Amino acid sequence: MIIELFGPPGSGKTTLANQLAQLLCDRGHQVRIMRSYRQGKTIPHDPFGILLSLFRILAAIFTTCRILLVSSSRRKSLHLSVDLIRLIPPANWLWRIRLWRYILYLSDCWMGVPAAEIVIFDQGFVQAIGSLAMFHGSAGPAPMREALRISPPADIAIRIASSEQAVRENLLSRTRAETAVERLFDASVCVNMRTFGIFDTLSSELSALSLRRVDVNVDNIRGSDRAAETGFLEPLIVEIEEMLAGEAKASNLPASSRGAAGHLPTSPPAISQTGGI
């Protein structure tokens, strides 16, 4: 099962992914989180983040070469990434290359998920399409609809809703924590704030394509204690478990914590994290 989160940058996707994974783990499920971005550790004598940025560039080149040369899904991943970039091309060539690589890696990770495993993507294809539209500048509903149509759907797409004030504060806080080089290559707060309308359009298009979507307003649980958080997310957990039960019934396997290739796990329920895409 693939669970995908999407919403404006800074809305709390990674935070909710961790909360959701923990609740599923508490109920006996094995969960893996695919993180889109992992905060790098500060390197001594590198106050501006130059060495950290060079390391990330080299890592990106290595993973791209691995996918293109070794991955069994390289053909599908390459075609999909190129098709999405052609549909909604970012105006800036640097972002066109960065998002092409991101979608290539995302596609390779997505296609490698076993059907019996619960994997939460804090950013998936809906988010990638939103980013393409953001950097394109004037993408309409039609190309976004076609991009959603050709992209592999998640079993559940969770839209993260948050107030513009909360998102702006989170983005400003994130910017202050970045190094000078990271800020140079990141989208500005103003650019990121444009995505509210884009995700409204994508949500409507998901419904038009009859794709499963759930809305979660994280402002209702931000700062809450564990009990309130659990109660708020309980309906979503129940829906996920009902889907797991349906899949288990279809494959004649127990609904909880099935391992890869349909085998029951020998280890206790746990959360593993992979990042960043």
C-alpha atoms as a PDB file:
ATOM      1  CA  MET A   1       0.000   0.000   0.000  1.00  0.00           C
ATOM      2  CA  ILE A   2       1.262   3.450  -0.943  1.00  0.00           C
ATOM      3  CA  ILE A   3       0.132   6.506   1.014  1.00  0.00           C
ATOM      4  CA  GLU A   4       1.037   9.861  -0.489  1.00  0.00           C
ATOM      5  CA  LEU A   5       0.910  13.278   1.185  1.00  0.00           C
ATOM      6  CA  PHE A   6       0.647  16.536  -0.710  1.00  0.00           C
ATOM      7  CA  GLY A   7       0.178  20.202   0.078  1.00  0.00           C
ATOM      8  CA  PRO A   8       2.000  23.549   0.098  1.00  0.00           C
ATOM      9  CA  PRO A   9       5.670  23.511   1.110  1.00  0.00           C
ATOM     10  CA  GLY A  10       5.902  24.018   4.861  1.00  0.00           C
ATOM     11  CA  SER A  11       2.389  22.740   5.550  1.00  0.00           C
ATOM     12  CA  GLY A  12       3.591  19.818   7.688  1.00  0.00           C
ATOM     13  CA  LYS A  13       3.700  16.818   5.324  1.00  0.00           C
ATOM     14  CA  THR A  14       6.771  15.178   6.849  1.00  0.00           C
ATOM     15  CA  THR A  15       5.512  15.791  10.384  1.00  0.00           C
ATOM     16  CA  LEU A  16       2.169  14.153   9.615  1.00  0.00           C
ATOM     17  CA  ALA A  17       3.910  11.277   7.813  1.00  0.00           C
ATOM     18  CA  ASN A  18       5.867  10.549  10.989  1.00  0.00           C
ATOM     19  CA  GLN A  19       2.735  10.815  13.164  1.00  0.00           C
ATOM     20  CA  LEU A  20       0.751   8.541  10.871  1.00  0.00           C
ATOM     21  CA  ALA A  21       3.567   5.996  10.681  1.00  0.00           C
ATOM     22  CA  GLN A  22       3.865   5.901  14.472  1.00  0.00           C
ATOM     23  CA  LEU A  23       0.124   5.324  14.930  1.00  0.00           C
ATOM     24  CA  LEU A  24       0.139   2.515  12.352  1.00  0.00           C
ATOM     25  CA  CYS A  25       3.189   0.994  14.013  1.00  0.00           C
ATOM     26  CA  ASP A  26       1.428   1.146  17.409  1.00  0.00           C
ATOM     27  CA  ARG A  27      -1.386  -0.902  15.877  1.00  0.00           C
ATOM     28  CA  GLY A  28       0.948  -3.639  14.696  1.00  0.00           C
ATOM     29  CA  HIS A  29       1.905  -2.599  11.166  1.00  0.00           C
ATOM     30  CA  GLN A  30       5.317  -2.427   9.541  1.00  0.00           C
ATOM     31  CA  VAL A  31       5.694   1.033   7.991  1.00  0.00           C
ATOM     32  CA  ARG A  32       8.337   2.634   5.807  1.00  0.00           C
ATOM     33  CA  ILE A  33       8.606   6.380   5.261  1.00  0.00           C
ATOM     34  CA  MET A  34      10.084   7.702   2.023  1.00  0.00           C
ATOM     35  CA  ARG A  35      11.249  11.211   2.834  1.00  0.00           C
ATOM     36  CA  SER A  36      11.665  13.730   0.046  1.00  0.00           C
ATOM     37  CA  TYR A  37      14.315  15.667   1.906  1.00  0.00           C
ATOM     38  CA  ARG A  38      16.603  14.932   4.824  1.00  0.00           C
ATOM     39  CA  GLN A  39      18.206  17.855   6.619  1.00  0.00           C
ATOM     40  CA  GLY A  40      21.943  17.603   6.160  1.00  0.00           C
ATOM     41  CA  LYS A  41      24.325  17.721   9.097  1.00  0.00           C
ATOM     42  CA  THR A  42      26.552  20.750   9.354  1.00  0.00           C
ATOM     43  CA  ILE A  43      30.073  20.028   8.181  1.00  0.00           C
ATOM     44  CA  PRO A  44      32.863  21.567  10.322  1.00  0.00           C
ATOM     45  CA  HIS A  45      34.560  24.590   8.749  1.00  0.00           C
ATOM     46  CA  ASP A  46      31.749  24.840   6.149  1.00  0.00           C
ATOM     47  CA  PRO A  47      29.571  27.678   7.487  1.00  0.00           C
ATOM     48  CA  PHE A  48      28.067  28.515   4.094  1.00  0.00           C
ATOM     49  CA  GLY A  49      27.148  24.917   3.243  1.00  0.00           C
ATOM     50  CA  ILE A  50      29.348  24.695   0.132  1.00  0.00           C
ATOM     51  CA  LEU A  51      30.740  21.233   0.932  1.00  0.00           C
ATOM     52  CA  LEU A  52      27.298  19.969   1.945  1.00  0.00           C
ATOM     53  CA  SER A  53      25.830  21.184  -1.346  1.00  0.00           C
ATOM     54  CA  LEU A  54      28.642  19.560  -3.345  1.00  0.00           C
ATOM     55  CA  PHE A  55      28.048  16.288  -1.508  1.00  0.00           C
ATOM     56  CA  ARG A  56      24.319  16.429  -2.354  1.00  0.00           C
ATOM     57  CA  ILE A  57      25.078  17.152  -6.022  1.00  0.00           C
ATOM     58  CA  LEU A  58      27.452  14.182  -6.216  1.00  0.00           C
ATOM     59  CA  ALA A  59      24.915  11.949  -4.441  1.00  0.00           C
ATOM     60  CA  ALA A  60      22.218  13.044  -6.907  1.00  0.00           C
ATOM     61  CA  ILE A  61      24.494  12.270  -9.875  1.00  0.00           C
ATOM     62  CA  PHE A  62      25.322   8.846  -8.426  1.00  0.00           C
ATOM     63  CA  THR A  63      21.684   7.860  -7.803  1.00  0.00           C
ATOM     64  CA  THR A  64      20.657   9.091 -11.256  1.00  0.00           C
ATOM     65  CA  CYS A  65      23.387   7.004 -12.916  1.00  0.00           C
ATOM     66  CA  ARG A  66      22.399   3.985 -10.827  1.00  0.00           C
ATOM     67  CA  ILE A  67      18.786   4.241 -11.948  1.00  0.00           C
ATOM     68  CA  LEU A  68      19.662   4.746 -15.615  1.00  0.00           C
ATOM     69  CA  LEU A  69      22.210   1.938 -15.682  1.00  0.00           C
ATOM     70  CA  VAL A  70      21.077  -0.659 -13.147  1.00  0.00           C
ATOM     71  CA  SER A  71      17.450  -0.246 -12.056  1.00  0.00           C
ATOM     72  CA  SER A  72      14.951  -2.749 -13.448  1.00  0.00           C
ATOM     73  CA  SER A  73      12.342   0.022 -13.788  1.00  0.00           C
ATOM     74  CA  ARG A  74      14.680   2.483 -15.530  1.00  0.00           C
ATOM     75  CA  ARG A  75      12.762   2.487 -18.820  1.00  0.00           C
ATOM     76  CA  LYS A  76       9.401   3.244 -17.227  1.00  0.00           C
ATOM     77  CA  SER A  77      10.909   5.778 -14.807  1.00  0.00           C
ATOM     78  CA  LEU A  78      12.747   7.589 -17.599  1.00  0.00           C
ATOM     79  CA  HIS A  79       9.693   7.763 -19.881  1.00  0.00           C
ATOM     80  CA  LEU A  80       7.444   8.994 -17.084  1.00  0.00           C
ATOM     81  CA  SER A  81       9.863  11.673 -15.889  1.00  0.00           C
ATOM     82  CA  VAL A  82      10.377  12.987 -19.428  1.00  0.00           C
ATOM     83  CA  ASP A  83       6.629  12.940 -20.180  1.00  0.00           C
ATOM     84  CA  LEU A  84       5.792  14.927 -17.038  1.00  0.00           C
ATOM     85  CA  ILE A  85       8.479  17.520 -17.750  1.00  0.00           C
ATOM     86  CA  ARG A  86       7.169  17.901 -21.315  1.00  0.00           C
ATOM     87  CA  LEU A  87       3.602  18.336 -20.071  1.00  0.00           C
ATOM     88  CA  ILE A  88       4.432  21.043 -17.521  1.00  0.00           C
ATOM     89  CA  PRO A  89       7.952  22.358 -18.215  1.00  0.00           C
ATOM     90  CA  PRO A  90       9.404  24.655 -15.544  1.00  0.00           C
ATOM     91  CA  ALA A  91      10.416  28.016 -16.975  1.00  0.00           C
ATOM     92  CA  ASN A  92      13.869  27.831 -15.384  1.00  0.00           C
ATOM     93  CA  TRP A  93      16.231  25.229 -16.872  1.00  0.00           C
ATOM     94  CA  LEU A  94      17.899  24.559 -13.525  1.00  0.00           C
ATOM     95  CA  TRP A  95      14.557  23.633 -11.956  1.00  0.00           C
ATOM     96  CA  ARG A  96      13.672  21.617 -15.052  1.00  0.00           C
ATOM     97  CA  ILE A  97      16.752  19.443 -14.499  1.00  0.00           C
ATOM     98  CA  ARG A  98      16.259  19.211 -10.721  1.00  0.00           C
ATOM     99  CA  LEU A  99      12.609  18.205 -10.999  1.00  0.00           C
ATOM    100  CA  TRP A 100      13.350  15.720 -13.794  1.00  0.00           C
ATOM    101  CA  ARG A 101      15.892  14.006 -11.532  1.00  0.00           C
ATOM    102  CA  TYR A 102      13.490  14.141  -8.587  1.00  0.00           C
ATOM    103  CA  ILE A 103      10.669  12.526 -10.600  1.00  0.00           C
ATOM    104  CA  LEU A 104      13.056   9.908 -12.009  1.00  0.00           C
ATOM    105  CA  TYR A 105      14.121   8.882  -8.500  1.00  0.00           C
ATOM    106  CA  LEU A 106      10.568   9.099  -7.143  1.00  0.00           C
ATOM    107  CA  SER A 107       9.320   6.848  -9.935  1.00  0.00           C
ATOM    108  CA  ASP A 108      12.061   4.294  -9.306  1.00  0.00           C
ATOM    109  CA  CYS A 109      11.247   4.196  -5.566  1.00  0.00           C
ATOM    110  CA  TRP A 110       7.494   4.053  -6.236  1.00  0.00           C
ATOM    111  CA  MET A 111       7.688   1.154  -8.679  1.00  0.00           C
ATOM    112  CA  GLY A 112       9.862  -0.791  -6.257  1.00  0.00           C
ATOM    113  CA  VAL A 113       7.269  -0.840  -3.457  1.00  0.00           C
ATOM    114  CA  PRO A 114       5.927  -4.382  -2.772  1.00  0.00           C
ATOM    115  CA  ALA A 115       2.121  -4.577  -2.778  1.00  0.00           C
ATOM    116  CA  ALA A 116       2.113  -5.994   0.760  1.00  0.00           C
ATOM    117  CA  GLU A 117       4.160  -3.183   2.321  1.00  0.00           C
ATOM    118  CA  ILE A 118       2.885   0.094   3.819  1.00  0.00           C
ATOM    119  CA  VAL A 119       5.004   2.928   2.455  1.00  0.00           C
ATOM    120  CA  ILE A 120       4.298   6.592   3.192  1.00  0.00           C
ATOM    121  CA  PHE A 121       5.698   9.154   0.746  1.00  0.00           C
ATOM    122  CA  ASP A 122       5.781  12.568   2.396  1.00  0.00           C
ATOM    123  CA  GLN A 123       5.865  13.873  -1.191  1.00  0.00           C
ATOM    124  CA  GLY A 124       4.735  11.832  -4.172  1.00  0.00           C
ATOM    125  CA  PHE A 125       3.540  12.394  -7.714  1.00  0.00           C
ATOM    126  CA  VAL A 126       0.775  14.857  -6.822  1.00  0.00           C
ATOM    127  CA  GLN A 127       3.350  16.992  -5.020  1.00  0.00           C
ATOM    128  CA  ALA A 128       5.764  16.684  -7.949  1.00  0.00           C
ATOM    129  CA  ILE A 129       3.080  17.848 -10.373  1.00  0.00           C
ATOM    130  CA  GLY A 130       2.336  20.764  -8.047  1.00  0.00           C
ATOM    131  CA  SER A 131       6.027  21.697  -8.073  1.00  0.00           C
ATOM    132  CA  LEU A 132       6.114  21.537 -11.876  1.00  0.00           C
ATOM    133  CA  ALA A 133       3.088  23.840 -12.037  1.00  0.00           C
ATOM    134  CA  MET A 134       4.647  26.206  -9.492  1.00  0.00           C
ATOM    135  CA  PHE A 135       7.845  26.611 -11.505  1.00  0.00           C
ATOM    136  CA  HIS A 136       5.999  26.671 -14.824  1.00  0.00           C
ATOM    137  CA  GLY A 137       4.140  29.759 -13.668  1.00  0.00           C
ATOM    138  CA  SER A 138       0.902  29.481 -15.659  1.00  0.00           C
ATOM    139  CA  ALA A 139      -0.075  25.820 -15.941  1.00  0.00           C
ATOM    140  CA  GLY A 140      -3.828  25.308 -16.282  1.00  0.00           C
ATOM    141  CA  PRO A 141      -6.069  22.435 -15.150  1.00  0.00           C
ATOM    142  CA  ALA A 142      -5.760  20.480 -18.415  1.00  0.00           C
ATOM    143  CA  PRO A 143      -2.018  19.658 -18.243  1.00  0.00           C
ATOM    144  CA  MET A 144      -2.310  18.965 -14.512  1.00  0.00           C
ATOM    145  CA  ARG A 145      -5.172  16.540 -15.186  1.00  0.00           C
ATOM    146  CA  GLU A 146      -3.157  14.756 -17.880  1.00  0.00           C
ATOM    147  CA  ALA A 147      -0.110  14.615 -15.605  1.00  0.00           C
ATOM    148  CA  LEU A 148      -2.219  12.979 -12.880  1.00  0.00           C
ATOM    149  CA  ARG A 149      -3.679  10.566 -15.414  1.00  0.00           C
ATOM    150  CA  ILE A 150      -0.312   9.239 -16.587  1.00  0.00           C
ATOM    151  CA  SER A 151       1.226   9.094 -13.099  1.00  0.00           C
ATOM    152  CA  PRO A 152       0.871   5.973 -10.931  1.00  0.00           C
ATOM    153  CA  PRO A 153      -1.800   6.672  -8.279  1.00  0.00           C
ATOM    154  CA  ALA A 154      -1.353   6.172  -4.559  1.00  0.00           C
ATOM    155  CA  ASP A 155      -3.799   3.948  -2.696  1.00  0.00           C
ATOM    156  CA  ILE A 156      -4.613   7.015  -0.596  1.00  0.00           C
ATOM    157  CA  ALA A 157      -3.596  10.605  -1.351  1.00  0.00           C
ATOM    158  CA  ILE A 158      -3.741  12.799   1.760  1.00  0.00           C
ATOM    159  CA  ARG A 159      -4.045  16.516   1.194  1.00  0.00           C
ATOM    160  CA  ILE A 160      -2.439  18.532   3.986  1.00  0.00           C
ATOM    161  CA  ALA A 161      -4.364  21.732   4.651  1.00  0.00           C
ATOM    162  CA  SER A 162      -2.962  24.544   6.770  1.00  0.00           C
ATOM    163  CA  SER A 163      -3.474  28.278   7.105  1.00  0.00           C
ATOM    164  CA  GLU A 164      -1.355  30.612   5.001  1.00  0.00           C
ATOM    165  CA  GLN A 165       0.008  32.228   8.169  1.00  0.00           C
ATOM    166  CA  ALA A 166       1.177  28.889   9.598  1.00  0.00           C
ATOM    167  CA  VAL A 167       2.775  27.882   6.294  1.00  0.00           C
ATOM    168  CA  ARG A 168       4.567  31.223   5.951  1.00  0.00           C
ATOM    169  CA  GLU A 169       5.933  30.955   9.492  1.00  0.00           C
ATOM    170  CA  ASN A 170       7.168  27.415   8.848  1.00  0.00           C
ATOM    171  CA  LEU A 171       8.848  28.445   5.592  1.00  0.00           C
ATOM    172  CA  LEU A 172      10.566  31.417   7.246  1.00  0.00           C
ATOM    173  CA  SER A 173      11.766  29.177  10.078  1.00  0.00           C
ATOM    174  CA  ARG A 174      13.072  26.627   7.564  1.00  0.00           C
ATOM    175  CA  THR A 175      14.854  29.361   5.595  1.00  0.00           C
ATOM    176  CA  ARG A 176      16.603  30.646   8.717  1.00  0.00           C
ATOM    177  CA  ALA A 177      17.896  27.117   9.418  1.00  0.00           C
ATOM    178  CA  GLU A 178      19.345  26.721   5.900  1.00  0.00           C
ATOM    179  CA  THR A 179      22.891  27.538   4.905  1.00  0.00           C
ATOM    180  CA  ALA A 180      23.621  30.390   2.506  1.00  0.00           C
ATOM    181  CA  VAL A 181      24.096  28.001  -0.446  1.00  0.00           C
ATOM    182  CA  GLU A 182      20.853  26.127   0.347  1.00  0.00           C
ATOM    183  CA  ARG A 183      18.932  29.408   0.336  1.00  0.00           C
ATOM    184  CA  LEU A 184      20.521  30.289  -3.005  1.00  0.00           C
ATOM    185  CA  PHE A 185      19.186  27.138  -4.689  1.00  0.00           C
ATOM    186  CA  ASP A 186      15.844  26.908  -2.880  1.00  0.00           C
ATOM    187  CA  ALA A 187      12.568  28.495  -3.934  1.00  0.00           C
ATOM    188  CA  SER A 188      11.719  31.700  -2.101  1.00  0.00           C
ATOM    189  CA  VAL A 189       8.904  31.950   0.431  1.00  0.00           C
ATOM    190  CA  CYS A 190       6.868  34.058  -2.034  1.00  0.00           C
ATOM    191  CA  VAL A 191       7.182  31.435  -4.762  1.00  0.00           C
ATOM    192  CA  ASN A 192       6.202  28.629  -2.384  1.00  0.00           C
ATOM    193  CA  MET A 193       3.137  30.551  -1.219  1.00  0.00           C
ATOM    194  CA  ARG A 194       1.735  30.457  -4.771  1.00  0.00           C
ATOM    195  CA  THR A 195       0.988  26.763  -4.445  1.00  0.00           C
ATOM    196  CA  PHE A 196      -2.253  27.143  -2.476  1.00  0.00           C
ATOM    197  CA  GLY A 197      -4.284  27.645  -5.655  1.00  0.00           C
ATOM    198  CA  ILE A 198      -2.341  24.928  -7.470  1.00  0.00           C
ATOM    199  CA  PHE A 199      -3.216  22.300  -4.859  1.00  0.00           C
ATOM    200  CA  ASP A 200      -6.867  23.395  -4.930  1.00  0.00           C
ATOM    201  CA  THR A 201      -6.838  22.590  -8.662  1.00  0.00           C
ATOM    202  CA  LEU A 202      -5.020  19.283  -8.154  1.00  0.00           C
ATOM    203  CA  SER A 203      -7.509  18.232  -5.464  1.00  0.00           C
ATOM    204  CA  SER A 204     -10.400  18.902  -7.835  1.00  0.00           C
ATOM    205  CA  GLU A 205      -8.692  16.957 -10.608  1.00  0.00           C
ATOM    206  CA  LEU A 206      -8.070  13.998  -8.294  1.00  0.00           C
ATOM    207  CA  SER A 207     -11.781  13.896  -7.550  1.00  0.00           C
ATOM    208  CA  ALA A 208     -12.623  14.184 -11.247  1.00  0.00           C
ATOM    209  CA  LEU A 209     -10.393  11.173 -11.945  1.00  0.00           C
ATOM    210  CA  SER A 210     -12.102   9.238  -9.089  1.00  0.00           C
ATOM    211  CA  LEU A 211      -8.815   8.861  -7.214  1.00  0.00           C
ATOM    212  CA  ARG A 212      -9.013   8.335  -3.455  1.00  0.00           C
ATOM    213  CA  ARG A 213      -8.258  11.542  -1.549  1.00  0.00           C
ATOM    214  CA  VAL A 214      -8.486  12.438   2.139  1.00  0.00           C
ATOM    215  CA  ASP A 215      -8.188  15.980   3.518  1.00  0.00           C
ATOM    216  CA  VAL A 216      -6.417  16.592   6.834  1.00  0.00           C
ATOM    217  CA  ASN A 217      -6.194  20.053   8.412  1.00  0.00           C
ATOM    218  CA  VAL A 218      -3.006  19.933  10.452  1.00  0.00           C
ATOM    219  CA  ASP A 219      -3.871  23.197  12.215  1.00  0.00           C
ATOM    220  CA  ASN A 220      -6.321  21.112  14.273  1.00  0.00           C
ATOM    221  CA  ILE A 221      -3.566  18.882  15.655  1.00  0.00           C
ATOM    222  CA  ARG A 222      -0.547  21.199  15.659  1.00  0.00           C
ATOM    223  CA  GLY A 223       0.693  21.384  19.248  1.00  0.00           C
ATOM    224  CA  SER A 224      -1.809  18.768  20.472  1.00  0.00           C
ATOM    225  CA  ASP A 225      -0.939  16.005  22.900  1.00  0.00           C
ATOM    226  CA  ARG A 226      -0.664  12.381  21.788  1.00  0.00           C
ATOM    227  CA  ALA A 227      -4.222  11.481  22.788  1.00  0.00           C
ATOM    228  CA  ALA A 228      -5.770  14.365  20.822  1.00  0.00           C
ATOM    229  CA  GLU A 229      -3.552  13.586  17.843  1.00  0.00           C
ATOM    230  CA  THR A 230      -4.596   9.924  17.906  1.00  0.00           C
ATOM    231  CA  GLY A 231      -8.279  10.805  18.147  1.00  0.00           C
ATOM    232  CA  PHE A 232      -8.092  13.230  15.232  1.00  0.00           C
ATOM    233  CA  LEU A 233      -6.307  10.749  12.956  1.00  0.00           C
ATOM    234  CA  GLU A 234      -8.392   7.737  14.035  1.00  0.00           C
ATOM    235  CA  PRO A 235     -10.834   7.890  11.049  1.00  0.00           C
ATOM    236  CA  LEU A 236      -7.883   7.918   8.652  1.00  0.00           C
ATOM    237  CA  ILE A 237      -6.250   4.958  10.430  1.00  0.00           C
ATOM    238  CA  VAL A 238      -9.529   3.020  10.264  1.00  0.00           C
ATOM    239  CA  GLU A 239      -9.838   3.703   6.528  1.00  0.00           C
ATOM    240  CA  ILE A 240      -6.267   2.499   5.928  1.00  0.00           C
ATOM    241  CA  GLU A 241      -6.884  -0.672   7.929  1.00  0.00           C
ATOM    242  CA  GLU A 242     -10.108  -1.357   6.044  1.00  0.00           C
ATOM    243  CA  MET A 243      -8.182  -1.113   2.776  1.00  0.00           C
ATOM    244  CA  LEU A 244      -5.500  -3.436   4.152  1.00  0.00           C
ATOM    245  CA  ALA A 245      -8.158  -5.924   5.205  1.00  0.00           C
ATOM    246  CA  GLY A 246      -9.645  -5.837   1.694  1.00  0.00           C
ATOM    247  CA  GLU A 247      -6.242  -6.455   0.128  1.00  0.00           C
ATOM    248  CA  ALA A 248      -5.524  -9.254   2.604  1.00  0.00           C
ATOM    249  CA  LYS A 249      -8.860 -10.909   1.850  1.00  0.00           C
ATOM    250  CA  ALA A 250      -8.139 -10.757  -1.868  1.00  0.00           C
ATOM    251  CA  SER A 251      -4.742 -12.387  -1.390  1.00  0.00           C
ATOM    252  CA  ASN A 252      -5.735 -14.700   1.504  1.00  0.00           C
ATOM    253  CA  LEU A 253      -3.114 -13.188   3.814  1.00  0.00           C
ATOM    254  CA  PRO A 254      -3.367 -11.665   7.316  1.00  0.00           C
ATOM    255  CA  ALA A 255      -4.154  -7.938   7.144  1.00  0.00           C
ATOM    256  CA  SER A 256      -1.486  -6.711   9.543  1.00  0.00           C
ATOM    257  CA  SER A 257       2.163  -6.151   8.810  1.00  0.00           C
ATOM    258  CA  ARG A 258       2.683  -8.443   5.850  1.00  0.00           C
ATOM    259  CA  GLY A 259       6.254  -8.436   4.638  1.00  0.00           C
ATOM    260  CA  ALA A 260       7.594  -8.096   1.131  1.00  0.00           C
ATOM    261  CA  ALA A 261       6.515 -10.812  -1.302  1.00  0.00           C
ATOM    262  CA  GLY A 262       3.532 -11.553   0.953  1.00  0.00           C
ATOM    263  CA  HIS A 263       5.439 -13.221   3.791  1.00  0.00           C
ATOM    264  CA  LEU A 264       4.609 -12.544   7.410  1.00  0.00           C
ATOM    265  CA  PRO A 265       7.346 -10.530   9.125  1.00  0.00           C
ATOM    266  CA  THR A 266       9.494 -12.140  11.785  1.00  0.00           C
ATOM    267  CA  SER A 267      10.410  -8.838  13.431  1.00  0.00           C
ATOM    268  CA  PRO A 268       8.117  -6.716  15.636  1.00  0.00           C
ATOM    269  CA  PRO A 269       6.262  -3.737  14.092  1.00  0.00           C
ATOM    270  CA  ALA A 270       8.679  -0.952  13.291  1.00  0.00           C
ATOM    271  CA  ILE A 271       9.163   2.225  11.290  1.00  0.00           C
ATOM    272  CA  SER A 272      11.992   2.570   8.800  1.00  0.00           C
ATOM    273  CA  GLN A 273      12.892   5.785   7.002  1.00  0.00           C
ATOM    274  CA  THR A 274      14.519   6.344   3.644  1.00  0.00           C
ATOM    275  CA  GLY A 275      15.512   9.766   2.422  1.00  0.00           C
ATOM    276  CA  GLY A 276      15.771  11.921   0.710  1.00  0.00           C
ATOM    277  CA  ILE A 277      14.269  11.533  -2.666  1.00  0.00           C
END
